[in-house]
Amino acid sequence: MVVDDDRILLNLYRIILAEMGNYSVEFSTNGRDAVDNYRKQSEKPKVIIMDHRMPILNGFDAMNEILQLDGGTKIIFASADTTMREPSISMGAMAFLSKPFKIEELMILINKAINE
């Protein structure tokens, strides 16, 4: 699952993930939709890439709600707001990517999350 309110960035994620392989990917443009989509899915996502600054519900609060539902969910926090690095990791994100980041960094983290 990819959660980001920037539609251009969502399209880039779509392209990157298509290049990585045959993954089924859900996209949400705000934290509330992400939490609601997570709850509805019978097969939970193996990895969630989560932005911080979004309308309705920010990424930090969405991550907290998702982790309360399943503490084993692998969340990669991706944000230009580097002040969220420590709080996101301490609250359960497996990694933090500072935007802009290299595609290779994202691919490494996704593969690591899937293989854990």
N, C-alpha and C. Protein backbone atom coordinates (compact mmCIF):
# COMPACT_ATOMS: atom_id res chain seq x y z
N MET A 1 0.85 -1.17 0.00
CA MET A 1 0.00 0.00 0.00
C MET A 1 0.90 1.24 0.00
N VAL A 2 0.50 2.22 -0.78
CA VAL A 2 1.21 3.50 -0.81
C VAL A 2 0.23 4.58 -0.40
N VAL A 3 0.65 5.43 0.55
CA VAL A 3 -0.22 6.48 1.06
C VAL A 3 0.50 7.82 0.91
N ASP A 4 -0.02 8.65 0.02
CA ASP A 4 0.59 9.96 -0.23
C ASP A 4 -0.45 10.83 -0.91
N ASP A 5 -0.52 12.10 -0.55
CA ASP A 5 -1.51 12.99 -1.15
C ASP A 5 -1.02 13.64 -2.44
N ASP A 6 0.22 13.43 -2.82
CA ASP A 6 0.78 13.99 -4.05
C ASP A 6 0.54 13.01 -5.20
N ARG A 7 -0.39 13.35 -6.08
CA ARG A 7 -0.77 12.44 -7.17
C ARG A 7 0.37 12.18 -8.15
N ILE A 8 1.24 13.15 -8.35
CA ILE A 8 2.39 12.94 -9.23
C ILE A 8 3.32 11.89 -8.60
N LEU A 9 3.54 12.02 -7.32
CA LEU A 9 4.38 11.06 -6.62
C LEU A 9 3.74 9.67 -6.61
N LEU A 10 2.42 9.60 -6.47
CA LEU A 10 1.74 8.31 -6.54
C LEU A 10 1.97 7.64 -7.89
N ASN A 11 1.95 8.42 -8.96
CA ASN A 11 2.23 7.86 -10.28
C ASN A 11 3.66 7.35 -10.38
N LEU A 12 4.60 8.07 -9.76
CA LEU A 12 5.99 7.59 -9.76
C LEU A 12 6.11 6.29 -8.98
N TYR A 13 5.45 6.20 -7.83
CA TYR A 13 5.43 4.95 -7.07
C TYR A 13 4.86 3.82 -7.93
N ARG A 14 3.79 4.10 -8.65
CA ARG A 14 3.14 3.10 -9.49
C ARG A 14 4.13 2.55 -10.52
N ILE A 15 4.89 3.44 -11.14
CA ILE A 15 5.90 3.04 -12.14
C ILE A 15 7.02 2.24 -11.49
N ILE A 16 7.53 2.73 -10.37
CA ILE A 16 8.63 2.04 -9.67
C ILE A 16 8.21 0.64 -9.25
N LEU A 17 7.03 0.52 -8.66
CA LEU A 17 6.58 -0.78 -8.17
C LEU A 17 6.26 -1.73 -9.31
N ALA A 18 5.81 -1.21 -10.44
CA ALA A 18 5.58 -2.06 -11.61
C ALA A 18 6.91 -2.62 -12.12
N GLU A 19 7.96 -1.82 -12.05
CA GLU A 19 9.29 -2.27 -12.47
C GLU A 19 9.86 -3.33 -11.53
N MET A 20 9.47 -3.27 -10.27
CA MET A 20 10.00 -4.20 -9.27
C MET A 20 9.43 -5.61 -9.43
N GLY A 21 8.26 -5.72 -9.98
CA GLY A 21 7.67 -7.05 -10.12
C GLY A 21 6.17 -7.01 -10.11
N ASN A 22 5.60 -8.19 -9.98
CA ASN A 22 4.16 -8.35 -10.04
C ASN A 22 3.54 -8.19 -8.65
N TYR A 23 3.40 -6.94 -8.22
CA TYR A 23 2.82 -6.66 -6.91
C TYR A 23 1.44 -6.05 -7.08
N SER A 24 0.55 -6.42 -6.21
CA SER A 24 -0.75 -5.78 -6.14
C SER A 24 -0.60 -4.61 -5.17
N VAL A 25 -0.89 -3.41 -5.63
CA VAL A 25 -0.65 -2.23 -4.79
C VAL A 25 -1.93 -1.40 -4.68
N GLU A 26 -2.28 -1.08 -3.44
CA GLU A 26 -3.39 -0.17 -3.15
C GLU A 26 -2.81 1.22 -2.95
N PHE A 27 -3.55 2.24 -3.37
CA PHE A 27 -3.10 3.62 -3.21
C PHE A 27 -4.16 4.41 -2.45
N SER A 28 -3.71 5.22 -1.49
CA SER A 28 -4.60 6.10 -0.74
C SER A 28 -4.00 7.49 -0.73
N THR A 29 -4.86 8.50 -0.73
CA THR A 29 -4.37 9.88 -0.79
C THR A 29 -4.47 10.60 0.55
N ASN A 30 -4.91 9.91 1.59
CA ASN A 30 -4.89 10.49 2.94
C ASN A 30 -4.88 9.36 3.95
N GLY A 31 -4.52 9.69 5.16
CA GLY A 31 -4.38 8.69 6.21
C GLY A 31 -5.67 7.99 6.58
N ARG A 32 -6.79 8.71 6.56
CA ARG A 32 -8.07 8.09 6.91
C ARG A 32 -8.43 7.00 5.91
N ASP A 33 -8.28 7.30 4.61
CA ASP A 33 -8.55 6.29 3.58
C ASP A 33 -7.62 5.09 3.74
N ALA A 34 -6.37 5.34 4.09
CA ALA A 34 -5.41 4.26 4.27
C ALA A 34 -5.85 3.32 5.39
N VAL A 35 -6.24 3.88 6.52
CA VAL A 35 -6.69 3.06 7.65
C VAL A 35 -7.95 2.29 7.28
N ASP A 36 -8.90 2.97 6.65
CA ASP A 36 -10.15 2.31 6.24
C ASP A 36 -9.87 1.20 5.24
N ASN A 37 -9.01 1.45 4.25
CA ASN A 37 -8.65 0.43 3.26
C ASN A 37 -7.95 -0.75 3.93
N TYR A 38 -7.08 -0.46 4.88
CA TYR A 38 -6.36 -1.52 5.60
C TYR A 38 -7.35 -2.42 6.33
N ARG A 39 -8.30 -1.82 6.99
CA ARG A 39 -9.31 -2.60 7.74
C ARG A 39 -10.11 -3.52 6.82
N LYS A 40 -10.44 -3.03 5.63
CA LYS A 40 -11.30 -3.77 4.70
C LYS A 40 -10.60 -4.95 4.03
N GLN A 41 -9.30 -4.89 3.91
CA GLN A 41 -8.57 -5.92 3.16
C GLN A 41 -8.47 -7.21 3.95
N SER A 42 -8.87 -8.30 3.31
CA SER A 42 -8.74 -9.60 3.98
C SER A 42 -7.28 -10.04 3.99
N GLU A 43 -6.57 -9.76 2.90
CA GLU A 43 -5.13 -10.04 2.87
C GLU A 43 -4.41 -8.70 3.05
N LYS A 44 -3.83 -8.52 4.22
CA LYS A 44 -3.20 -7.25 4.57
C LYS A 44 -1.93 -7.02 3.74
N PRO A 45 -1.62 -5.76 3.45
CA PRO A 45 -0.40 -5.45 2.69
C PRO A 45 0.85 -5.87 3.47
N LYS A 46 1.84 -6.34 2.73
CA LYS A 46 3.10 -6.73 3.36
C LYS A 46 3.93 -5.51 3.74
N VAL A 47 3.74 -4.43 2.96
CA VAL A 47 4.51 -3.20 3.18
C VAL A 47 3.59 -2.00 2.95
N ILE A 48 3.73 -0.98 3.79
CA ILE A 48 3.03 0.28 3.57
C ILE A 48 4.07 1.39 3.50
N ILE A 49 4.01 2.17 2.43
CA ILE A 49 4.85 3.36 2.30
C ILE A 49 3.97 4.54 2.67
N MET A 50 4.35 5.27 3.71
CA MET A 50 3.48 6.28 4.30
C MET A 50 4.12 7.66 4.32
N ASP A 51 3.43 8.63 3.74
CA ASP A 51 3.84 10.03 3.82
C ASP A 51 3.35 10.59 5.16
N HIS A 52 3.87 11.75 5.54
CA HIS A 52 3.44 12.36 6.80
C HIS A 52 2.36 13.41 6.60
N ARG A 53 2.66 14.45 5.86
CA ARG A 53 1.73 15.57 5.71
C ARG A 53 0.67 15.25 4.66
N MET A 54 -0.54 14.97 5.17
CA MET A 54 -1.67 14.65 4.29
C MET A 54 -2.94 15.21 4.92
N PRO A 55 -3.95 15.44 4.08
CA PRO A 55 -5.22 15.94 4.63
C PRO A 55 -5.98 14.86 5.38
N ILE A 56 -6.94 15.28 6.16
CA ILE A 56 -7.88 14.45 6.92
C ILE A 56 -7.21 13.73 8.09
N LEU A 57 -6.19 12.90 7.82
CA LEU A 57 -5.45 12.22 8.87
C LEU A 57 -4.00 12.12 8.42
N ASN A 58 -3.08 12.66 9.21
CA ASN A 58 -1.67 12.64 8.79
C ASN A 58 -1.10 11.22 8.88
N GLY A 59 0.06 11.04 8.27
CA GLY A 59 0.68 9.73 8.20
C GLY A 59 1.07 9.16 9.55
N PHE A 60 1.49 10.00 10.46
CA PHE A 60 1.89 9.53 11.78
C PHE A 60 0.70 8.92 12.51
N ASP A 61 -0.43 9.63 12.49
CA ASP A 61 -1.63 9.12 13.16
C ASP A 61 -2.18 7.88 12.46
N ALA A 62 -2.12 7.87 11.12
CA ALA A 62 -2.57 6.70 10.37
C ALA A 62 -1.69 5.49 10.70
N MET A 63 -0.38 5.70 10.77
CA MET A 63 0.53 4.62 11.11
C MET A 63 0.18 4.07 12.49
N ASN A 64 -0.06 4.94 13.45
CA ASN A 64 -0.41 4.50 14.80
C ASN A 64 -1.68 3.64 14.81
N GLU A 65 -2.69 4.06 14.06
CA GLU A 65 -3.94 3.28 14.00
C GLU A 65 -3.70 1.92 13.35
N ILE A 66 -2.94 1.89 12.27
CA ILE A 66 -2.66 0.63 11.59
C ILE A 66 -1.85 -0.30 12.49
N LEU A 67 -0.86 0.23 13.17
CA LEU A 67 -0.05 -0.60 14.05
C LEU A 67 -0.84 -1.10 15.26
N GLN A 68 -1.86 -0.38 15.67
CA GLN A 68 -2.73 -0.87 16.74
C GLN A 68 -3.55 -2.06 16.25
N LEU A 69 -3.90 -2.06 14.97
CA LEU A 69 -4.64 -3.19 14.39
C LEU A 69 -3.73 -4.39 14.21
N ASP A 70 -2.48 -4.13 13.79
CA ASP A 70 -1.51 -5.21 13.57
C ASP A 70 -0.11 -4.64 13.76
N GLY A 71 0.47 -4.91 14.91
CA GLY A 71 1.79 -4.39 15.24
C GLY A 71 2.92 -4.93 14.37
N GLY A 72 2.64 -5.97 13.59
CA GLY A 72 3.66 -6.54 12.73
C GLY A 72 3.70 -5.95 11.34
N THR A 73 2.84 -4.99 11.06
CA THR A 73 2.80 -4.37 9.74
C THR A 73 4.11 -3.63 9.48
N LYS A 74 4.68 -3.83 8.31
CA LYS A 74 5.94 -3.18 7.92
C LYS A 74 5.60 -1.84 7.26
N ILE A 75 5.98 -0.76 7.93
CA ILE A 75 5.71 0.59 7.42
C ILE A 75 7.02 1.30 7.16
N ILE A 76 7.14 1.80 5.94
CA ILE A 76 8.27 2.64 5.55
C ILE A 76 7.73 4.06 5.52
N PHE A 77 8.20 4.89 6.41
CA PHE A 77 7.75 6.27 6.48
C PHE A 77 8.58 7.06 5.49
N ALA A 78 7.95 7.77 4.56
CA ALA A 78 8.65 8.54 3.54
C ALA A 78 8.13 9.97 3.59
N SER A 79 9.01 10.89 4.00
CA SER A 79 8.55 12.26 4.19
C SER A 79 9.69 13.25 4.04
N ALA A 80 9.35 14.44 3.60
CA ALA A 80 10.32 15.53 3.55
C ALA A 80 10.50 16.15 4.94
N ASP A 81 9.58 15.84 5.84
CA ASP A 81 9.62 16.36 7.20
C ASP A 81 10.53 15.47 8.05
N THR A 82 11.81 15.80 8.08
CA THR A 82 12.79 14.96 8.77
C THR A 82 12.62 14.97 10.29
N THR A 83 11.82 15.90 10.81
CA THR A 83 11.57 15.88 12.26
C THR A 83 10.73 14.65 12.65
N MET A 84 10.17 13.97 11.67
CA MET A 84 9.36 12.79 11.93
C MET A 84 10.18 11.50 11.96
N ARG A 85 11.47 11.59 11.65
CA ARG A 85 12.32 10.39 11.60
C ARG A 85 12.29 9.64 12.93
N GLU A 86 12.70 10.28 14.00
CA GLU A 86 12.78 9.61 15.30
C GLU A 86 11.40 9.18 15.81
N PRO A 87 10.39 10.07 15.78
CA PRO A 87 9.07 9.63 16.27
C PRO A 87 8.50 8.46 15.47
N SER A 88 8.68 8.45 14.16
CA SER A 88 8.10 7.37 13.37
C SER A 88 8.80 6.04 13.66
N ILE A 89 10.11 6.06 13.80
CA ILE A 89 10.86 4.84 14.11
C ILE A 89 10.49 4.35 15.52
N SER A 90 10.45 5.28 16.47
CA SER A 90 10.15 4.88 17.85
C SER A 90 8.72 4.35 17.99
N MET A 91 7.81 4.78 17.12
CA MET A 91 6.42 4.31 17.19
C MET A 91 6.18 3.05 16.37
N GLY A 92 7.21 2.57 15.65
CA GLY A 92 7.05 1.28 14.98
C GLY A 92 7.33 1.21 13.50
N ALA A 93 7.65 2.33 12.85
CA ALA A 93 8.01 2.25 11.43
C ALA A 93 9.32 1.47 11.31
N MET A 94 9.43 0.66 10.28
CA MET A 94 10.66 -0.13 10.10
C MET A 94 11.79 0.72 9.54
N ALA A 95 11.43 1.83 8.86
CA ALA A 95 12.45 2.69 8.26
C ALA A 95 11.85 4.06 7.96
N PHE A 96 12.74 5.01 7.74
CA PHE A 96 12.34 6.37 7.37
C PHE A 96 13.16 6.78 6.15
N LEU A 97 12.48 7.20 5.10
CA LEU A 97 13.15 7.73 3.91
C LEU A 97 12.89 9.22 3.84
N SER A 98 13.95 9.99 3.72
CA SER A 98 13.82 11.44 3.56
C SER A 98 13.58 11.75 2.09
N LYS A 99 12.48 12.46 1.81
CA LYS A 99 12.21 12.88 0.43
C LYS A 99 13.08 14.07 0.10
N PRO A 100 13.65 14.13 -1.07
CA PRO A 100 13.63 13.09 -2.09
C PRO A 100 14.61 11.97 -1.74
N PHE A 101 14.29 10.76 -2.16
CA PHE A 101 15.16 9.62 -1.90
C PHE A 101 15.48 8.92 -3.21
N LYS A 102 16.46 8.05 -3.16
CA LYS A 102 16.85 7.30 -4.34
C LYS A 102 15.95 6.07 -4.47
N ILE A 103 15.59 5.76 -5.69
CA ILE A 103 14.73 4.61 -5.96
C ILE A 103 15.36 3.34 -5.40
N GLU A 104 16.68 3.24 -5.50
CA GLU A 104 17.37 2.04 -5.00
C GLU A 104 17.15 1.87 -3.50
N GLU A 105 17.14 2.98 -2.76
CA GLU A 105 16.90 2.91 -1.32
C GLU A 105 15.52 2.33 -1.03
N LEU A 106 14.53 2.81 -1.78
CA LEU A 106 13.17 2.33 -1.61
C LEU A 106 13.09 0.84 -1.94
N MET A 107 13.69 0.43 -3.04
CA MET A 107 13.64 -0.96 -3.45
C MET A 107 14.29 -1.88 -2.42
N ILE A 108 15.40 -1.46 -1.87
CA ILE A 108 16.08 -2.25 -0.84
C ILE A 108 15.17 -2.43 0.38
N LEU A 109 14.55 -1.35 0.81
CA LEU A 109 13.69 -1.42 2.00
C LEU A 109 12.44 -2.27 1.75
N ILE A 110 11.86 -2.15 0.57
CA ILE A 110 10.69 -2.97 0.25
C ILE A 110 11.06 -4.45 0.24
N ASN A 111 12.16 -4.77 -0.41
CA ASN A 111 12.61 -6.18 -0.44
C ASN A 111 12.90 -6.69 0.95
N LYS A 112 13.53 -5.87 1.78
CA LYS A 112 13.83 -6.27 3.16
C LYS A 112 12.55 -6.56 3.93
N ALA A 113 11.56 -5.67 3.78
CA ALA A 113 10.28 -5.84 4.48
C ALA A 113 9.57 -7.11 4.03
N ILE A 114 9.57 -7.37 2.75
CA ILE A 114 8.88 -8.54 2.22
C ILE A 114 9.54 -9.83 2.69
N ASN A 115 10.86 -9.81 2.79
CA ASN A 115 11.60 -11.02 3.13
C ASN A 115 11.75 -11.26 4.64
N GLU A 116 11.32 -10.33 5.46
CA GLU A 116 11.42 -10.54 6.93
C GLU A 116 10.32 -11.45 7.42
